[in-house]
Amino acid sequence: MSSRIDVSIEHRNVPEPPGKQHPNTCPECQSHYRDDELEAALWVCPHCGHHFPMRARARVASLVDQGTFVEEAAELRSEDPLQFFDLRPYTERLAEAEMKTGLGEAMVIGHASIEGTSCELAVMDFSFMGGSMGSVVGEKFSRACDSAAERGVPLVSVTASGGARMQEGILSLMQLPKTVCAVEDLHDAGQALISVMTHPTTAGVLASFASLGDVIVAEPGALVAFTGPRVVQQTTREKLPEDFGLAEQNLRFGHIDAIVPRPELKPYVSRLLRLFARNGD
């Protein structure tokens, strides 16, 4: 039986709101950049330090030693067991996301070296359906944990997610305990999880594997919260701090270990890997 949400009106070809900024315009200082300028700056505004969203493959390239990344489980694709339909079929949304991003899912995994130290990587891409975690994302992360345990190397996860994928219902929610168990197996094998939270890391991903890192770091200004400030304020009817849910507040409360700007992330992670590596190599 299919799960269907009846919608009476779907707005098509709605004009963009007036004053909408170009995606390469910094929302903080209004500086405008070409793609190649931002790419050279790791998608960080050179004037004010604002961190633009970064795609998964660009993230991998910025972290690993050139030519060392070997992708795993790239063939996995989500299915539609519920035959879910809201404004459009779920299968259509998946196909659109793949065409838009060039990715098969919202997570890329594989093994690589960072400044000469081997590791496993699991990197999320918010551009693929908001980085939502469905059954394939959970499976990919679990495989990354298994691969890290088998090879005897730490796992570095980079998260960017709006939470569980509603189109897969309970199958999506079951990825929370599945990924938690995968991290436990990784720890049982004597290997570490280094969790890097980027904007935004929320809901089910935050409530599962992202918060289980042996070391947890975040990029400046990243939203790291189960629910965004607008929803919390509407629910509690209380005025929230300006930095509610941001990395800076989480650091003050001890929820994360450090805030690391993107240009410093590779050497920082490399030092952590050397600390966790066996025999100091």
C-alpha atoms as a PDB file:
ATOM      1  CA  MET A   1       0.000   0.000   0.000  1.00  0.00           C
ATOM      2  CA  SER A   2       1.450   3.351  -1.011  1.00  0.00           C
ATOM      3  CA  SER A   3       1.915   6.266   1.371  1.00  0.00           C
ATOM      4  CA  ARG A   4       0.402   9.365  -0.195  1.00  0.00           C
ATOM      5  CA  ILE A   5       0.047  12.925   1.008  1.00  0.00           C
ATOM      6  CA  ASP A   6      -2.732  14.773  -0.801  1.00  0.00           C
ATOM      7  CA  VAL A   7      -1.729  18.268  -1.850  1.00  0.00           C
ATOM      8  CA  SER A   8      -4.294  20.439  -3.579  1.00  0.00           C
ATOM      9  CA  ILE A   9      -1.980  23.075  -5.021  1.00  0.00           C
ATOM     10  CA  GLU A  10       1.595  22.827  -6.201  1.00  0.00           C
ATOM     11  CA  HIS A  11       3.259  26.114  -7.064  1.00  0.00           C
ATOM     12  CA  ARG A  12       5.147  25.856 -10.342  1.00  0.00           C
ATOM     13  CA  ASN A  13       7.492  28.387 -11.865  1.00  0.00           C
ATOM     14  CA  VAL A  14       7.226  30.639  -8.842  1.00  0.00           C
ATOM     15  CA  PRO A  15       9.406  33.726  -9.455  1.00  0.00           C
ATOM     16  CA  GLU A  16      12.383  34.190  -7.201  1.00  0.00           C
ATOM     17  CA  PRO A  17      11.802  36.606  -4.334  1.00  0.00           C
ATOM     18  CA  PRO A  18      13.178  40.104  -4.953  1.00  0.00           C
ATOM     19  CA  GLY A  19      16.699  40.678  -3.741  1.00  0.00           C
ATOM     20  CA  LYS A  20      17.693  37.015  -3.710  1.00  0.00           C
ATOM     21  CA  GLN A  21      21.466  36.813  -3.576  1.00  0.00           C
ATOM     22  CA  HIS A  22      23.731  34.951  -5.945  1.00  0.00           C
ATOM     23  CA  PRO A  23      24.987  31.767  -4.213  1.00  0.00           C
ATOM     24  CA  ASN A  24      28.565  33.072  -4.367  1.00  0.00           C
ATOM     25  CA  THR A  25      27.683  36.256  -2.483  1.00  0.00           C
ATOM     26  CA  CYS A  26      28.827  36.147   1.132  1.00  0.00           C
ATOM     27  CA  PRO A  27      25.788  36.552   3.416  1.00  0.00           C
ATOM     28  CA  GLU A  28      27.955  38.176   6.080  1.00  0.00           C
ATOM     29  CA  CYS A  29      29.944  40.870   4.229  1.00  0.00           C
ATOM     30  CA  GLN A  30      28.206  40.830   0.799  1.00  0.00           C
ATOM     31  CA  SER A  31      31.466  40.143  -1.045  1.00  0.00           C
ATOM     32  CA  HIS A  32      30.966  38.383  -4.372  1.00  0.00           C
ATOM     33  CA  TYR A  33      33.260  35.717  -5.797  1.00  0.00           C
ATOM     34  CA  ARG A  34      33.737  33.557  -8.846  1.00  0.00           C
ATOM     35  CA  ASP A  35      33.644  29.792  -8.414  1.00  0.00           C
ATOM     36  CA  ASP A  36      37.391  29.475  -8.976  1.00  0.00           C
ATOM     37  CA  GLU A  37      38.110  32.120  -6.319  1.00  0.00           C
ATOM     38  CA  LEU A  38      36.029  30.322  -3.709  1.00  0.00           C
ATOM     39  CA  GLU A  39      37.446  26.959  -4.707  1.00  0.00           C
ATOM     40  CA  ALA A  40      40.981  28.266  -4.192  1.00  0.00           C
ATOM     41  CA  ALA A  41      39.922  29.577  -0.763  1.00  0.00           C
ATOM     42  CA  LEU A  42      38.262  26.249   0.196  1.00  0.00           C
ATOM     43  CA  TRP A  43      34.875  27.982  -0.048  1.00  0.00           C
ATOM     44  CA  VAL A  44      35.701  30.349   2.794  1.00  0.00           C
ATOM     45  CA  CYS A  45      35.162  34.105   2.384  1.00  0.00           C
ATOM     46  CA  PRO A  46      38.654  35.702   2.383  1.00  0.00           C
ATOM     47  CA  HIS A  47      37.242  38.926   3.843  1.00  0.00           C
ATOM     48  CA  CYS A  48      35.164  37.797   6.812  1.00  0.00           C
ATOM     49  CA  GLY A  49      35.810  34.065   7.124  1.00  0.00           C
ATOM     50  CA  HIS A  50      32.232  32.949   6.402  1.00  0.00           C
ATOM     51  CA  HIS A  51      32.176  29.238   5.524  1.00  0.00           C
ATOM     52  CA  PHE A  52      30.158  28.529   2.391  1.00  0.00           C
ATOM     53  CA  PRO A  53      28.651  25.044   1.938  1.00  0.00           C
ATOM     54  CA  MET A  54      31.171  22.595   0.487  1.00  0.00           C
ATOM     55  CA  ARG A  55      30.336  19.641  -1.712  1.00  0.00           C
ATOM     56  CA  ALA A  56      31.420  16.154  -0.654  1.00  0.00           C
ATOM     57  CA  ARG A  57      33.971  15.542  -3.407  1.00  0.00           C
ATOM     58  CA  ALA A  58      35.496  18.985  -2.894  1.00  0.00           C
ATOM     59  CA  ARG A  59      35.685  18.208   0.815  1.00  0.00           C
ATOM     60  CA  VAL A  60      37.464  14.921   0.150  1.00  0.00           C
ATOM     61  CA  ALA A  61      39.928  16.654  -2.181  1.00  0.00           C
ATOM     62  CA  SER A  62      40.666  19.301   0.458  1.00  0.00           C
ATOM     63  CA  LEU A  63      41.396  16.721   3.161  1.00  0.00           C
ATOM     64  CA  VAL A  64      43.244  13.800   1.592  1.00  0.00           C
ATOM     65  CA  ASP A  65      46.624  13.462  -0.054  1.00  0.00           C
ATOM     66  CA  GLN A  66      46.299  13.742  -3.809  1.00  0.00           C
ATOM     67  CA  GLY A  67      45.574  10.469  -5.552  1.00  0.00           C
ATOM     68  CA  THR A  68      45.063   8.431  -2.370  1.00  0.00           C
ATOM     69  CA  PHE A  69      41.263   8.376  -2.118  1.00  0.00           C
ATOM     70  CA  VAL A  70      39.618   5.127  -3.213  1.00  0.00           C
ATOM     71  CA  GLU A  71      35.835   5.294  -3.102  1.00  0.00           C
ATOM     72  CA  GLU A  72      33.817   2.386  -1.740  1.00  0.00           C
ATOM     73  CA  ALA A  73      30.168   1.332  -2.138  1.00  0.00           C
ATOM     74  CA  ALA A  74      29.616   3.899  -4.904  1.00  0.00           C
ATOM     75  CA  GLU A  75      27.087   1.592  -6.555  1.00  0.00           C
ATOM     76  CA  LEU A  76      24.567   1.693  -3.699  1.00  0.00           C
ATOM     77  CA  ARG A  77      21.271   3.438  -4.473  1.00  0.00           C
ATOM     78  CA  SER A  78      18.132   4.047  -2.427  1.00  0.00           C
ATOM     79  CA  GLU A  79      14.973   2.115  -3.243  1.00  0.00           C
ATOM     80  CA  ASP A  80      11.353   3.125  -2.662  1.00  0.00           C
ATOM     81  CA  PRO A  81       9.894   0.377  -0.428  1.00  0.00           C
ATOM     82  CA  LEU A  82       6.954   2.557   0.671  1.00  0.00           C
ATOM     83  CA  GLN A  83       6.155   3.832  -2.834  1.00  0.00           C
ATOM     84  CA  PHE A  84       6.146   7.246  -1.224  1.00  0.00           C
ATOM     85  CA  PHE A  85       4.475  10.169  -3.001  1.00  0.00           C
ATOM     86  CA  ASP A  86       4.122  13.735  -1.759  1.00  0.00           C
ATOM     87  CA  LEU A  87       4.184  16.394  -4.454  1.00  0.00           C
ATOM     88  CA  ARG A  88       6.222  14.011  -6.600  1.00  0.00           C
ATOM     89  CA  PRO A  89       7.276  10.371  -6.385  1.00  0.00           C
ATOM     90  CA  TYR A  90      10.279   9.650  -4.177  1.00  0.00           C
ATOM     91  CA  THR A  91      12.007   7.925  -7.088  1.00  0.00           C
ATOM     92  CA  GLU A  92      11.752  11.149  -9.080  1.00  0.00           C
ATOM     93  CA  ARG A  93      13.303  13.137  -6.270  1.00  0.00           C
ATOM     94  CA  LEU A  94      16.170  10.651  -6.021  1.00  0.00           C
ATOM     95  CA  ALA A  95      16.842  10.844  -9.755  1.00  0.00           C
ATOM     96  CA  GLU A  96      16.770  14.637  -9.636  1.00  0.00           C
ATOM     97  CA  ALA A  97      19.221  14.702  -6.709  1.00  0.00           C
ATOM     98  CA  GLU A  98      21.618  12.386  -8.549  1.00  0.00           C
ATOM     99  CA  MET A  99      21.463  14.511 -11.694  1.00  0.00           C
ATOM    100  CA  LYS A 100      22.018  17.690  -9.672  1.00  0.00           C
ATOM    101  CA  THR A 101      24.919  16.462  -7.567  1.00  0.00           C
ATOM    102  CA  GLY A 102      26.503  13.663  -9.569  1.00  0.00           C
ATOM    103  CA  LEU A 103      26.318  11.493  -6.449  1.00  0.00           C
ATOM    104  CA  GLY A 104      24.419   8.279  -5.906  1.00  0.00           C
ATOM    105  CA  GLU A 105      23.559   9.207  -2.325  1.00  0.00           C
ATOM    106  CA  ALA A 106      24.109  11.839   0.366  1.00  0.00           C
ATOM    107  CA  MET A 107      27.321  10.212   1.636  1.00  0.00           C
ATOM    108  CA  VAL A 108      30.648   9.351   0.005  1.00  0.00           C
ATOM    109  CA  ILE A 109      32.901   6.792   1.703  1.00  0.00           C
ATOM    110  CA  GLY A 110      36.343   5.412   0.949  1.00  0.00           C
ATOM    111  CA  HIS A 111      39.877   5.039   2.258  1.00  0.00           C
ATOM    112  CA  ALA A 112      42.721   7.490   1.830  1.00  0.00           C
ATOM    113  CA  SER A 113      45.752   9.070   3.465  1.00  0.00           C
ATOM    114  CA  ILE A 114      45.899  12.441   5.205  1.00  0.00           C
ATOM    115  CA  GLU A 115      49.446  13.808   5.348  1.00  0.00           C
ATOM    116  CA  GLY A 116      50.745  10.264   5.045  1.00  0.00           C
ATOM    117  CA  THR A 117      48.492   8.641   7.663  1.00  0.00           C
ATOM    118  CA  SER A 118      45.927   6.121   6.481  1.00  0.00           C
ATOM    119  CA  CYS A 119      42.281   6.499   7.432  1.00  0.00           C
ATOM    120  CA  GLU A 120      38.720   5.801   6.341  1.00  0.00           C
ATOM    121  CA  LEU A 121      36.453   8.673   5.274  1.00  0.00           C
ATOM    122  CA  ALA A 122      32.670   9.159   5.403  1.00  0.00           C
ATOM    123  CA  VAL A 123      31.661  12.551   3.999  1.00  0.00           C
ATOM    124  CA  MET A 124      28.087  13.836   3.695  1.00  0.00           C
ATOM    125  CA  ASP A 125      26.766  16.207   1.024  1.00  0.00           C
ATOM    126  CA  PHE A 126      23.905  18.538   2.002  1.00  0.00           C
ATOM    127  CA  SER A 127      23.138  19.167  -1.675  1.00  0.00           C
ATOM    128  CA  PHE A 128      21.705  15.637  -1.971  1.00  0.00           C
ATOM    129  CA  MET A 129      18.208  15.956  -0.485  1.00  0.00           C
ATOM    130  CA  GLY A 130      19.438  18.033   2.437  1.00  0.00           C
ATOM    131  CA  GLY A 131      21.971  15.401   3.446  1.00  0.00           C
ATOM    132  CA  SER A 132      19.075  13.354   4.794  1.00  0.00           C
ATOM    133  CA  MET A 133      19.908   9.922   6.219  1.00  0.00           C
ATOM    134  CA  GLY A 134      18.052   7.070   4.576  1.00  0.00           C
ATOM    135  CA  SER A 135      18.840   3.375   4.512  1.00  0.00           C
ATOM    136  CA  VAL A 136      21.716   3.738   2.041  1.00  0.00           C
ATOM    137  CA  VAL A 137      23.425   6.505   4.031  1.00  0.00           C
ATOM    138  CA  GLY A 138      23.193   4.318   7.120  1.00  0.00           C
ATOM    139  CA  GLU A 139      24.533   1.337   5.180  1.00  0.00           C
ATOM    140  CA  LYS A 140      27.414   3.359   3.769  1.00  0.00           C
ATOM    141  CA  PHE A 141      28.421   4.643   7.182  1.00  0.00           C
ATOM    142  CA  SER A 142      28.229   1.124   8.618  1.00  0.00           C
ATOM    143  CA  ARG A 143      30.441  -0.157   5.805  1.00  0.00           C
ATOM    144  CA  ALA A 144      32.910   2.660   6.475  1.00  0.00           C
ATOM    145  CA  CYS A 145      33.083   1.559  10.123  1.00  0.00           C
ATOM    146  CA  ASP A 146      33.605  -2.065   9.063  1.00  0.00           C
ATOM    147  CA  SER A 147      36.323  -1.090   6.587  1.00  0.00           C
ATOM    148  CA  ALA A 148      38.142   1.021   9.174  1.00  0.00           C
ATOM    149  CA  ALA A 149      37.996  -1.838  11.682  1.00  0.00           C
ATOM    150  CA  GLU A 150      39.260  -4.398   9.159  1.00  0.00           C
ATOM    151  CA  ARG A 151      42.120  -2.200   7.989  1.00  0.00           C
ATOM    152  CA  GLY A 152      43.015  -1.050  11.503  1.00  0.00           C
ATOM    153  CA  VAL A 153      42.677   2.678  10.843  1.00  0.00           C
ATOM    154  CA  PRO A 154      40.592   5.498  12.351  1.00  0.00           C
ATOM    155  CA  LEU A 155      37.408   6.750  10.688  1.00  0.00           C
ATOM    156  CA  VAL A 156      36.936  10.444   9.886  1.00  0.00           C
ATOM    157  CA  SER A 157      33.304  11.453   9.396  1.00  0.00           C
ATOM    158  CA  VAL A 158      32.263  14.849   8.013  1.00  0.00           C
ATOM    159  CA  THR A 159      28.578  15.523   8.577  1.00  0.00           C
ATOM    160  CA  ALA A 160      26.104  17.935   6.957  1.00  0.00           C
ATOM    161  CA  SER A 161      22.516  16.833   7.344  1.00  0.00           C
ATOM    162  CA  GLY A 162      18.960  17.941   7.986  1.00  0.00           C
ATOM    163  CA  GLY A 163      18.139  14.620   9.635  1.00  0.00           C
ATOM    164  CA  ALA A 164      16.289  11.423   8.780  1.00  0.00           C
ATOM    165  CA  ARG A 165      14.697  10.987   5.338  1.00  0.00           C
ATOM    166  CA  MET A 166      10.941  11.021   5.783  1.00  0.00           C
ATOM    167  CA  GLN A 167      10.277   9.255   2.471  1.00  0.00           C
ATOM    168  CA  GLU A 168      11.651   6.016   3.944  1.00  0.00           C
ATOM    169  CA  GLY A 169       9.654   6.173   7.178  1.00  0.00           C
ATOM    170  CA  ILE A 170      10.723   3.778   9.912  1.00  0.00           C
ATOM    171  CA  LEU A 171      13.487   2.377   7.682  1.00  0.00           C
ATOM    172  CA  SER A 172      15.164   5.769   7.892  1.00  0.00           C
ATOM    173  CA  LEU A 173      14.730   6.039  11.663  1.00  0.00           C
ATOM    174  CA  MET A 174      16.260   2.576  12.104  1.00  0.00           C
ATOM    175  CA  GLN A 175      19.527   3.974  10.720  1.00  0.00           C
ATOM    176  CA  LEU A 176      20.062   5.743  14.050  1.00  0.00           C
ATOM    177  CA  PRO A 177      20.586   2.563  16.111  1.00  0.00           C
ATOM    178  CA  LYS A 178      22.293   0.898  13.147  1.00  0.00           C
ATOM    179  CA  THR A 179      24.990   3.585  12.908  1.00  0.00           C
ATOM    180  CA  VAL A 180      25.375   3.714  16.701  1.00  0.00           C
ATOM    181  CA  CYS A 181      26.047  -0.049  16.726  1.00  0.00           C
ATOM    182  CA  ALA A 182      28.524   0.375  13.867  1.00  0.00           C
ATOM    183  CA  VAL A 183      30.502   2.925  15.908  1.00  0.00           C
ATOM    184  CA  GLU A 184      30.448   0.555  18.877  1.00  0.00           C
ATOM    185  CA  ASP A 185      31.891  -2.211  16.679  1.00  0.00           C
ATOM    186  CA  LEU A 186      34.562   0.234  15.477  1.00  0.00           C
ATOM    187  CA  HIS A 187      35.521   1.029  19.060  1.00  0.00           C
ATOM    188  CA  ASP A 188      35.529  -2.670  19.956  1.00  0.00           C
ATOM    189  CA  ALA A 189      38.099  -3.121  17.194  1.00  0.00           C
ATOM    190  CA  GLY A 190      40.302  -0.525  18.898  1.00  0.00           C
ATOM    191  CA  GLN A 191      39.812   2.212  16.327  1.00  0.00           C
ATOM    192  CA  ALA A 192      38.767   5.828  16.786  1.00  0.00           C
ATOM    193  CA  LEU A 193      36.061   7.993  15.246  1.00  0.00           C
ATOM    194  CA  ILE A 194      36.922  11.616  14.500  1.00  0.00           C
ATOM    195  CA  SER A 195      33.705  13.557  13.943  1.00  0.00           C
ATOM    196  CA  VAL A 196      33.772  16.826  11.983  1.00  0.00           C
ATOM    197  CA  MET A 197      30.465  18.697  12.105  1.00  0.00           C
ATOM    198  CA  THR A 198      29.744  21.220   9.377  1.00  0.00           C
ATOM    199  CA  HIS A 199      26.745  23.440   8.751  1.00  0.00           C
ATOM    200  CA  PRO A 200      24.179  22.107   9.422  1.00  0.00           C
ATOM    201  CA  THR A 201      24.452  18.938  11.506  1.00  0.00           C
ATOM    202  CA  THR A 202      21.028  18.354  12.999  1.00  0.00           C
ATOM    203  CA  ALA A 203      18.303  15.896  14.021  1.00  0.00           C
ATOM    204  CA  GLY A 204      18.894  12.176  13.467  1.00  0.00           C
ATOM    205  CA  VAL A 205      22.526  12.440  12.353  1.00  0.00           C
ATOM    206  CA  LEU A 206      23.426  14.562  15.386  1.00  0.00           C
ATOM    207  CA  ALA A 207      21.457  12.180  17.614  1.00  0.00           C
ATOM    208  CA  SER A 208      23.355   9.152  16.326  1.00  0.00           C
ATOM    209  CA  PHE A 209      26.886   8.686  15.013  1.00  0.00           C
ATOM    210  CA  ALA A 210      27.937  12.354  14.716  1.00  0.00           C
ATOM    211  CA  SER A 211      27.923  12.776  18.497  1.00  0.00           C
ATOM    212  CA  LEU A 212      29.890   9.597  19.198  1.00  0.00           C
ATOM    213  CA  GLY A 213      33.305  10.750  18.020  1.00  0.00           C
ATOM    214  CA  ASP A 214      36.318  10.223  20.239  1.00  0.00           C
ATOM    215  CA  VAL A 215      37.124  13.775  19.161  1.00  0.00           C
ATOM    216  CA  ILE A 216      34.350  16.076  17.943  1.00  0.00           C
ATOM    217  CA  VAL A 217      35.147  19.301  16.108  1.00  0.00           C
ATOM    218  CA  ALA A 218      33.006  21.767  14.182  1.00  0.00           C
ATOM    219  CA  GLU A 219      33.510  24.495  11.630  1.00  0.00           C
ATOM    220  CA  PRO A 220      32.912  28.102  12.716  1.00  0.00           C
ATOM    221  CA  GLY A 221      29.269  29.136  12.694  1.00  0.00           C
ATOM    222  CA  ALA A 222      27.955  25.629  12.013  1.00  0.00           C
ATOM    223  CA  LEU A 223      24.482  24.837  13.304  1.00  0.00           C
ATOM    224  CA  VAL A 224      24.899  21.833  15.583  1.00  0.00           C
ATOM    225  CA  ALA A 225      21.517  21.192  17.186  1.00  0.00           C
ATOM    226  CA  PHE A 226      18.740  18.637  17.146  1.00  0.00           C
ATOM    227  CA  THR A 227      16.259  21.329  16.072  1.00  0.00           C
ATOM    228  CA  GLY A 228      16.845  24.788  14.635  1.00  0.00           C
ATOM    229  CA  PRO A 229      16.357  27.940  16.702  1.00  0.00           C
ATOM    230  CA  ARG A 230      13.160  29.015  14.913  1.00  0.00           C
ATOM    231  CA  VAL A 231      11.314  25.825  15.869  1.00  0.00           C
ATOM    232  CA  VAL A 232      12.645  25.894  19.437  1.00  0.00           C
ATOM    233  CA  GLN A 233      11.626  29.526  19.894  1.00  0.00           C
ATOM    234  CA  GLN A 234       8.138  28.879  18.550  1.00  0.00           C
ATOM    235  CA  THR A 235       7.768  25.892  20.858  1.00  0.00           C
ATOM    236  CA  THR A 236       9.160  27.392  24.062  1.00  0.00           C
ATOM    237  CA  ARG A 237       8.049  30.983  23.376  1.00  0.00           C
ATOM    238  CA  GLU A 238      11.293  32.159  24.925  1.00  0.00           C
ATOM    239  CA  LYS A 239      13.921  34.460  23.487  1.00  0.00           C
ATOM    240  CA  LEU A 240      16.998  32.457  22.566  1.00  0.00           C
ATOM    241  CA  PRO A 241      20.645  33.552  22.556  1.00  0.00           C
ATOM    242  CA  GLU A 242      21.905  34.820  19.208  1.00  0.00           C
ATOM    243  CA  ASP A 243      24.316  31.893  18.939  1.00  0.00           C
ATOM    244  CA  PHE A 244      21.748  29.259  19.939  1.00  0.00           C
ATOM    245  CA  GLY A 245      22.741  25.879  18.523  1.00  0.00           C
ATOM    246  CA  LEU A 246      25.843  27.202  16.791  1.00  0.00           C
ATOM    247  CA  ALA A 247      29.274  25.636  17.137  1.00  0.00           C
ATOM    248  CA  GLU A 248      30.382  28.468  19.422  1.00  0.00           C
ATOM    249  CA  GLN A 249      27.636  27.760  21.967  1.00  0.00           C
ATOM    250  CA  ASN A 250      28.278  24.025  21.788  1.00  0.00           C
ATOM    251  CA  LEU A 251      31.954  24.639  22.545  1.00  0.00           C
ATOM    252  CA  ARG A 252      31.082  26.728  25.617  1.00  0.00           C
ATOM    253  CA  PHE A 253      28.847  23.952  26.912  1.00  0.00           C
ATOM    254  CA  GLY A 254      31.456  21.276  26.253  1.00  0.00           C
ATOM    255  CA  HIS A 255      29.448  19.454  23.580  1.00  0.00           C
ATOM    256  CA  ILE A 256      32.341  19.650  21.116  1.00  0.00           C
ATOM    257  CA  ASP A 257      36.090  19.668  21.625  1.00  0.00           C
ATOM    258  CA  ALA A 258      37.185  22.417  19.245  1.00  0.00           C
ATOM    259  CA  ILE A 259      36.159  24.812  16.482  1.00  0.00           C
ATOM    260  CA  VAL A 260      38.502  24.433  13.538  1.00  0.00           C
ATOM    261  CA  PRO A 261      38.401  26.774  10.525  1.00  0.00           C
ATOM    262  CA  ARG A 262      38.340  24.892   7.229  1.00  0.00           C
ATOM    263  CA  PRO A 263      41.858  25.939   6.077  1.00  0.00           C
ATOM    264  CA  GLU A 264      43.255  24.427   9.303  1.00  0.00           C
ATOM    265  CA  LEU A 265      41.176  21.250   9.227  1.00  0.00           C
ATOM    266  CA  LYS A 266      43.552  18.995   7.271  1.00  0.00           C
ATOM    267  CA  PRO A 267      46.614  19.494   9.530  1.00  0.00           C
ATOM    268  CA  TYR A 268      44.372  19.310  12.618  1.00  0.00           C
ATOM    269  CA  VAL A 269      42.848  15.984  11.564  1.00  0.00           C
ATOM    270  CA  SER A 270      46.287  14.728  10.554  1.00  0.00           C
ATOM    271  CA  ARG A 271      47.615  15.361  14.066  1.00  0.00           C
ATOM    272  CA  LEU A 272      44.653  13.512  15.555  1.00  0.00           C
ATOM    273  CA  LEU A 273      45.220  10.558  13.239  1.00  0.00           C
ATOM    274  CA  ARG A 274      48.859  10.338  14.267  1.00  0.00           C
ATOM    275  CA  LEU A 275      47.840  10.403  17.930  1.00  0.00           C
ATOM    276  CA  PHE A 276      45.378   7.572  17.432  1.00  0.00           C
ATOM    277  CA  ALA A 277      47.519   5.540  15.036  1.00  0.00           C
ATOM    278  CA  ARG A 278      49.110   2.426  16.456  1.00  0.00           C
ATOM    279  CA  ASN A 279      52.870   2.399  16.985  1.00  0.00           C
ATOM    280  CA  GLY A 280      52.879   6.145  16.326  1.00  0.00           C
ATOM    281  CA  ASP A 281      53.052   5.718  12.539  1.00  0.00           C
END
